[in-house]
Amino acid sequence: MMYLGLSGQPKHARDIAAILRAKKNQLDFGYIEEWVTRLGLDSVWREMLDSVG
Protein backbone atom coordinates (compact mmCIF):
# COMPACT_ATOMS: atom_id res chain seq x y z
CA MET A 1 0.00 0.00 0.00
CA MET A 2 2.76 2.41 0.85
CA TYR A 3 4.31 2.12 -2.60
CA LEU A 4 0.95 2.59 -4.28
CA GLY A 5 0.36 5.73 -2.23
CA LEU A 6 3.78 7.11 -3.05
CA SER A 7 3.97 6.21 -6.70
CA GLY A 8 0.41 5.87 -7.91
CA GLN A 9 1.69 3.21 -10.32
CA PRO A 10 -1.03 0.93 -11.73
CA LYS A 11 1.33 -2.03 -11.36
CA HIS A 12 1.26 -1.66 -7.58
CA ALA A 13 -2.54 -1.56 -7.60
CA ARG A 14 -2.62 -4.75 -9.71
CA ASP A 15 -0.16 -6.46 -7.35
CA ILE A 16 -2.21 -5.55 -4.28
CA ALA A 17 -5.43 -6.69 -5.96
CA ALA A 18 -3.84 -10.03 -6.87
CA ILE A 19 -2.69 -10.57 -3.28
CA LEU A 20 -6.13 -9.68 -1.95
CA ARG A 21 -7.82 -12.12 -4.32
CA ALA A 22 -5.41 -14.96 -3.60
CA LYS A 23 -4.83 -14.53 0.14
CA LYS A 24 -7.80 -12.50 1.41
CA ASN A 25 -8.67 -15.01 4.15
CA GLN A 26 -5.06 -15.19 5.36
CA LEU A 27 -4.35 -11.46 5.72
CA ASP A 28 -4.30 -9.57 9.01
CA PHE A 29 -6.66 -6.76 8.07
CA GLY A 30 -6.32 -5.08 11.47
CA TYR A 31 -2.59 -4.68 10.96
CA ILE A 32 -2.97 -3.58 7.35
CA GLU A 33 -5.65 -1.04 8.18
CA GLU A 34 -3.57 0.36 11.04
CA TRP A 35 -0.78 1.15 8.57
CA VAL A 36 -3.21 2.35 5.92
CA THR A 37 -4.50 4.90 8.43
CA ARG A 38 -1.00 5.92 9.56
CA LEU A 39 0.02 6.51 5.96
CA GLY A 40 -3.17 8.38 5.07
CA LEU A 41 -4.18 5.86 2.42
CA ASP A 42 -7.70 5.14 3.65
CA SER A 43 -9.49 6.14 0.45
CA VAL A 44 -7.02 4.21 -1.72
CA TRP A 45 -7.45 1.13 0.47
CA ARG A 46 -11.26 1.33 0.33
CA GLU A 47 -11.16 1.62 -3.46
CA MET A 48 -8.85 -1.39 -3.60
CA LEU A 49 -11.16 -3.46 -1.42
CA ASP A 50 -14.17 -2.44 -3.49
CA SER A 51 -12.40 -3.38 -6.72
CA VAL A 52 -11.70 -6.96 -5.60
CA GLY A 53 -15.08 -7.49 -3.96
PDB file of N, CA and C in Angstrom:
ATOM      1  N   MET A   1       0.817  -1.189   0.000  1.00  0.00           N
ATOM      2  CA  MET A   1       0.000   0.000   0.000  1.00  0.00           C
ATOM      3  C   MET A   1       0.858   1.249   0.000  1.00  0.00           C
ATOM      4  N   MET A   2       1.931   1.221   0.775  1.00  0.00           N
ATOM      5  CA  MET A   2       2.764   2.413   0.851  1.00  0.00           C
ATOM      6  C   MET A   2       3.280   2.801  -0.534  1.00  0.00           C
ATOM      7  N   TYR A   3       3.758   1.811  -1.296  1.00  0.00           N
ATOM      8  CA  TYR A   3       4.314   2.125  -2.603  1.00  0.00           C
ATOM      9  C   TYR A   3       3.242   2.634  -3.556  1.00  0.00           C
ATOM     10  N   LEU A   4       2.041   2.095  -3.449  1.00  0.00           N
ATOM     11  CA  LEU A   4       0.953   2.591  -4.276  1.00  0.00           C
ATOM     12  C   LEU A   4       0.647   4.042  -3.939  1.00  0.00           C
ATOM     13  N   GLY A   5       0.620   4.353  -2.645  1.00  0.00           N
ATOM     14  CA  GLY A   5       0.361   5.726  -2.225  1.00  0.00           C
ATOM     15  C   GLY A   5       1.441   6.693  -2.663  1.00  0.00           C
ATOM     16  N   LEU A   6       2.671   6.246  -2.654  1.00  0.00           N
ATOM     17  CA  LEU A   6       3.781   7.107  -3.049  1.00  0.00           C
ATOM     18  C   LEU A   6       3.899   7.266  -4.554  1.00  0.00           C
ATOM     19  N   SER A   7       3.704   6.174  -5.265  1.00  0.00           N
ATOM     20  CA  SER A   7       3.972   6.209  -6.703  1.00  0.00           C
ATOM     21  C   SER A   7       2.732   6.380  -7.567  1.00  0.00           C
ATOM     22  N   GLY A   8       1.618   5.843  -7.100  1.00  0.00           N
ATOM     23  CA  GLY A   8       0.408   5.873  -7.910  1.00  0.00           C
ATOM     24  C   GLY A   8       0.500   4.971  -9.130  1.00  0.00           C
ATOM     25  N   GLN A   9       1.479   4.083  -9.171  1.00  0.00           N
ATOM     26  CA  GLN A   9       1.693   3.207 -10.317  1.00  0.00           C
ATOM     27  C   GLN A   9       0.593   2.141 -10.396  1.00  0.00           C
ATOM     28  N   PRO A  10       0.002   1.965 -11.566  1.00  0.00           N
ATOM     29  CA  PRO A  10      -1.028   0.934 -11.730  1.00  0.00           C
ATOM     30  C   PRO A  10      -0.521  -0.471 -11.417  1.00  0.00           C
ATOM     31  N   LYS A  11       0.770  -0.715 -11.655  1.00  0.00           N
ATOM     32  CA  LYS A  11       1.334  -2.035 -11.362  1.00  0.00           C
ATOM     33  C   LYS A  11       1.173  -2.368  -9.885  1.00  0.00           C
ATOM     34  N   HIS A  12       1.388  -1.404  -9.017  1.00  0.00           N
ATOM     35  CA  HIS A  12       1.257  -1.659  -7.584  1.00  0.00           C
ATOM     36  C   HIS A  12      -0.189  -1.977  -7.232  1.00  0.00           C
ATOM     37  N   ALA A  13      -1.125  -1.284  -7.844  1.00  0.00           N
ATOM     38  CA  ALA A  13      -2.540  -1.562  -7.604  1.00  0.00           C
ATOM     39  C   ALA A  13      -2.882  -2.976  -8.067  1.00  0.00           C
ATOM     40  N   ARG A  14      -2.367  -3.390  -9.207  1.00  0.00           N
ATOM     41  CA  ARG A  14      -2.619  -4.750  -9.706  1.00  0.00           C
ATOM     42  C   ARG A  14      -2.011  -5.793  -8.774  1.00  0.00           C
ATOM     43  N   ASP A  15      -0.809  -5.518  -8.275  1.00  0.00           N
ATOM     44  CA  ASP A  15      -0.161  -6.457  -7.355  1.00  0.00           C
ATOM     45  C   ASP A  15      -0.967  -6.614  -6.072  1.00  0.00           C
ATOM     46  N   ILE A  16      -1.418  -5.503  -5.522  1.00  0.00           N
ATOM     47  CA  ILE A  16      -2.207  -5.550  -4.284  1.00  0.00           C
ATOM     48  C   ILE A  16      -3.516  -6.292  -4.530  1.00  0.00           C
ATOM     49  N   ALA A  17      -4.176  -6.008  -5.634  1.00  0.00           N
ATOM     50  CA  ALA A  17      -5.429  -6.688  -5.957  1.00  0.00           C
ATOM     51  C   ALA A  17      -5.220  -8.191  -6.089  1.00  0.00           C
ATOM     52  N   ALA A  18      -4.129  -8.600  -6.710  1.00  0.00           N
ATOM     53  CA  ALA A  18      -3.838 -10.032  -6.867  1.00  0.00           C
ATOM     54  C   ALA A  18      -3.620 -10.690  -5.510  1.00  0.00           C
ATOM     55  N   ILE A  19      -2.918 -10.026  -4.621  1.00  0.00           N
ATOM     56  CA  ILE A  19      -2.692 -10.567  -3.282  1.00  0.00           C
ATOM     57  C   ILE A  19      -4.015 -10.672  -2.534  1.00  0.00           C
ATOM     58  N   LEU A  20      -4.835  -9.648  -2.625  1.00  0.00           N
ATOM     59  CA  LEU A  20      -6.133  -9.681  -1.953  1.00  0.00           C
ATOM     60  C   LEU A  20      -6.997 -10.824  -2.461  1.00  0.00           C
ATOM     61  N   ARG A  21      -7.011 -11.028  -3.757  1.00  0.00           N
ATOM     62  CA  ARG A  21      -7.818 -12.115  -4.317  1.00  0.00           C
ATOM     63  C   ARG A  21      -7.304 -13.482  -3.874  1.00  0.00           C
ATOM     64  N   ALA A  22      -5.994 -13.656  -3.882  1.00  0.00           N
ATOM     65  CA  ALA A  22      -5.406 -14.957  -3.596  1.00  0.00           C
ATOM     66  C   ALA A  22      -5.333 -15.282  -2.108  1.00  0.00           C
ATOM     67  N   LYS A  23      -5.124 -14.277  -1.274  1.00  0.00           N
ATOM     68  CA  LYS A  23      -4.830 -14.528   0.143  1.00  0.00           C
ATOM     69  C   LYS A  23      -5.778 -13.816   1.106  1.00  0.00           C
ATOM     70  N   LYS A  24      -6.911 -13.350   0.614  1.00  0.00           N
ATOM     71  CA  LYS A  24      -7.797 -12.499   1.410  1.00  0.00           C
ATOM     72  C   LYS A  24      -8.092 -13.085   2.792  1.00  0.00           C
ATOM     73  N   ASN A  25      -8.324 -14.379   2.875  1.00  0.00           N
ATOM     74  CA  ASN A  25      -8.673 -15.006   4.151  1.00  0.00           C
ATOM     75  C   ASN A  25      -7.475 -15.207   5.071  1.00  0.00           C
ATOM     76  N   GLN A  26      -6.282 -14.976   4.577  1.00  0.00           N
ATOM     77  CA  GLN A  26      -5.065 -15.186   5.359  1.00  0.00           C
ATOM     78  C   GLN A  26      -4.412 -13.877   5.808  1.00  0.00           C
ATOM     79  N   LEU A  27      -4.964 -12.743   5.410  1.00  0.00           N
ATOM     80  CA  LEU A  27      -4.353 -11.456   5.721  1.00  0.00           C
ATOM     81  C   LEU A  27      -4.838 -10.919   7.061  1.00  0.00           C
ATOM     82  N   ASP A  28      -3.964 -10.217   7.738  1.00  0.00           N
ATOM     83  CA  ASP A  28      -4.297  -9.566   9.008  1.00  0.00           C
ATOM     84  C   ASP A  28      -4.793  -8.155   8.693  1.00  0.00           C
ATOM     85  N   PHE A  29      -6.096  -8.033   8.494  1.00  0.00           N
ATOM     86  CA  PHE A  29      -6.662  -6.761   8.071  1.00  0.00           C
ATOM     87  C   PHE A  29      -6.527  -5.681   9.142  1.00  0.00           C
ATOM     88  N   GLY A  30      -6.529  -6.068  10.408  1.00  0.00           N
ATOM     89  CA  GLY A  30      -6.324  -5.084  11.469  1.00  0.00           C
ATOM     90  C   GLY A  30      -4.974  -4.405  11.340  1.00  0.00           C
ATOM     91  N   TYR A  31      -3.947  -5.199  11.122  1.00  0.00           N
ATOM     92  CA  TYR A  31      -2.590  -4.676  10.960  1.00  0.00           C
ATOM     93  C   TYR A  31      -2.487  -3.808   9.700  1.00  0.00           C
ATOM     94  N   ILE A  32      -3.021  -4.333   8.608  1.00  0.00           N
ATOM     95  CA  ILE A  32      -2.966  -3.580   7.346  1.00  0.00           C
ATOM     96  C   ILE A  32      -3.676  -2.245   7.494  1.00  0.00           C
ATOM     97  N   GLU A  33      -4.869  -2.269   8.062  1.00  0.00           N
ATOM     98  CA  GLU A  33      -5.646  -1.036   8.178  1.00  0.00           C
ATOM     99  C   GLU A  33      -5.022  -0.043   9.155  1.00  0.00           C
ATOM    100  N   GLU A  34      -4.295  -0.546  10.151  1.00  0.00           N
ATOM    101  CA  GLU A  34      -3.565   0.359  11.044  1.00  0.00           C
ATOM    102  C   GLU A  34      -2.540   1.163  10.240  1.00  0.00           C
ATOM    103  N   TRP A  35      -1.795   0.468   9.369  1.00  0.00           N
ATOM    104  CA  TRP A  35      -0.783   1.155   8.571  1.00  0.00           C
ATOM    105  C   TRP A  35      -1.404   2.009   7.472  1.00  0.00           C
ATOM    106  N   VAL A  36      -2.498   1.547   6.919  1.00  0.00           N
ATOM    107  CA  VAL A  36      -3.207   2.347   5.919  1.00  0.00           C
ATOM    108  C   VAL A  36      -3.584   3.696   6.526  1.00  0.00           C
ATOM    109  N   THR A  37      -4.103   3.665   7.736  1.00  0.00           N
ATOM    110  CA  THR A  37      -4.496   4.901   8.427  1.00  0.00           C
ATOM    111  C   THR A  37      -3.278   5.765   8.727  1.00  0.00           C
ATOM    112  N   ARG A  38      -2.223   5.152   9.245  1.00  0.00           N
ATOM    113  CA  ARG A  38      -1.002   5.916   9.558  1.00  0.00           C
ATOM    114  C   ARG A  38      -0.441   6.618   8.330  1.00  0.00           C
ATOM    115  N   LEU A  39      -0.551   5.964   7.194  1.00  0.00           N
ATOM    116  CA  LEU A  39       0.018   6.507   5.960  1.00  0.00           C
ATOM    117  C   LEU A  39      -0.963   7.401   5.194  1.00  0.00           C
ATOM    118  N   GLY A  40      -2.177   7.519   5.713  1.00  0.00           N
ATOM    119  CA  GLY A  40      -3.166   8.375   5.072  1.00  0.00           C
ATOM    120  C   GLY A  40      -3.680   7.828   3.750  1.00  0.00           C
ATOM    121  N   LEU A  41      -3.770   6.509   3.662  1.00  0.00           N
ATOM    122  CA  LEU A  41      -4.179   5.864   2.418  1.00  0.00           C
ATOM    123  C   LEU A  41      -5.565   5.229   2.513  1.00  0.00           C
ATOM    124  N   ASP A  42      -6.390   5.740   3.418  1.00  0.00           N
ATOM    125  CA  ASP A  42      -7.703   5.144   3.645  1.00  0.00           C
ATOM    126  C   ASP A  42      -8.547   5.062   2.378  1.00  0.00           C
ATOM    127  N   SER A  43      -8.635   6.141   1.638  1.00  0.00           N
ATOM    128  CA  SER A  43      -9.495   6.140   0.452  1.00  0.00           C
ATOM    129  C   SER A  43      -8.952   5.191  -0.617  1.00  0.00           C
ATOM    130  N   VAL A  44      -7.637   5.126  -0.756  1.00  0.00           N
ATOM    131  CA  VAL A  44      -7.023   4.214  -1.724  1.00  0.00           C
ATOM    132  C   VAL A  44      -7.319   2.769  -1.326  1.00  0.00           C
ATOM    133  N   TRP A  45      -7.202   2.472  -0.041  1.00  0.00           N
ATOM    134  CA  TRP A  45      -7.454   1.126   0.468  1.00  0.00           C
ATOM    135  C   TRP A  45      -8.913   0.729   0.239  1.00  0.00           C
ATOM    136  N   ARG A  46      -9.830   1.618   0.520  1.00  0.00           N
ATOM    137  CA  ARG A  46     -11.261   1.328   0.330  1.00  0.00           C
ATOM    138  C   ARG A  46     -11.553   1.053  -1.150  1.00  0.00           C
ATOM    139  N   GLU A  47     -10.978   1.848  -2.022  1.00  0.00           N
ATOM    140  CA  GLU A  47     -11.156   1.616  -3.463  1.00  0.00           C
ATOM    141  C   GLU A  47     -10.609   0.249  -3.863  1.00  0.00           C
ATOM    142  N   MET A  48      -9.459  -0.101  -3.301  1.00  0.00           N
ATOM    143  CA  MET A  48      -8.850  -1.385  -3.601  1.00  0.00           C
ATOM    144  C   MET A  48      -9.750  -2.527  -3.137  1.00  0.00           C
ATOM    145  N   LEU A  49     -10.275  -2.431  -1.933  1.00  0.00           N
ATOM    146  CA  LEU A  49     -11.162  -3.464  -1.418  1.00  0.00           C
ATOM    147  C   LEU A  49     -12.425  -3.573  -2.267  1.00  0.00           C
ATOM    148  N   ASP A  50     -12.974  -2.445  -2.656  1.00  0.00           N
ATOM    149  CA  ASP A  50     -14.172  -2.440  -3.492  1.00  0.00           C
ATOM    150  C   ASP A  50     -13.907  -3.098  -4.856  1.00  0.00           C
ATOM    151  N   SER A  51     -12.720  -2.871  -5.384  1.00  0.00           N
ATOM    152  CA  SER A  51     -12.402  -3.380  -6.723  1.00  0.00           C
ATOM    153  C   SER A  51     -12.249  -4.908  -6.746  1.00  0.00           C
ATOM    154  N   VAL A  52     -11.874  -5.499  -5.618  1.00  0.00           N
ATOM    155  CA  VAL A  52     -11.697  -6.956  -5.595  1.00  0.00           C
ATOM    156  C   VAL A  52     -12.900  -7.675  -5.004  1.00  0.00           C
ATOM    157  N   GLY A  53     -13.832  -6.911  -4.474  1.00  0.00           N
ATOM    158  CA  GLY A  53     -15.078  -7.490  -3.958  1.00  0.00           C
ATOM    159  C   GLY A  53     -14.906  -8.139  -2.685  1.00  0.00           C
TER     160      GLY A  53
END
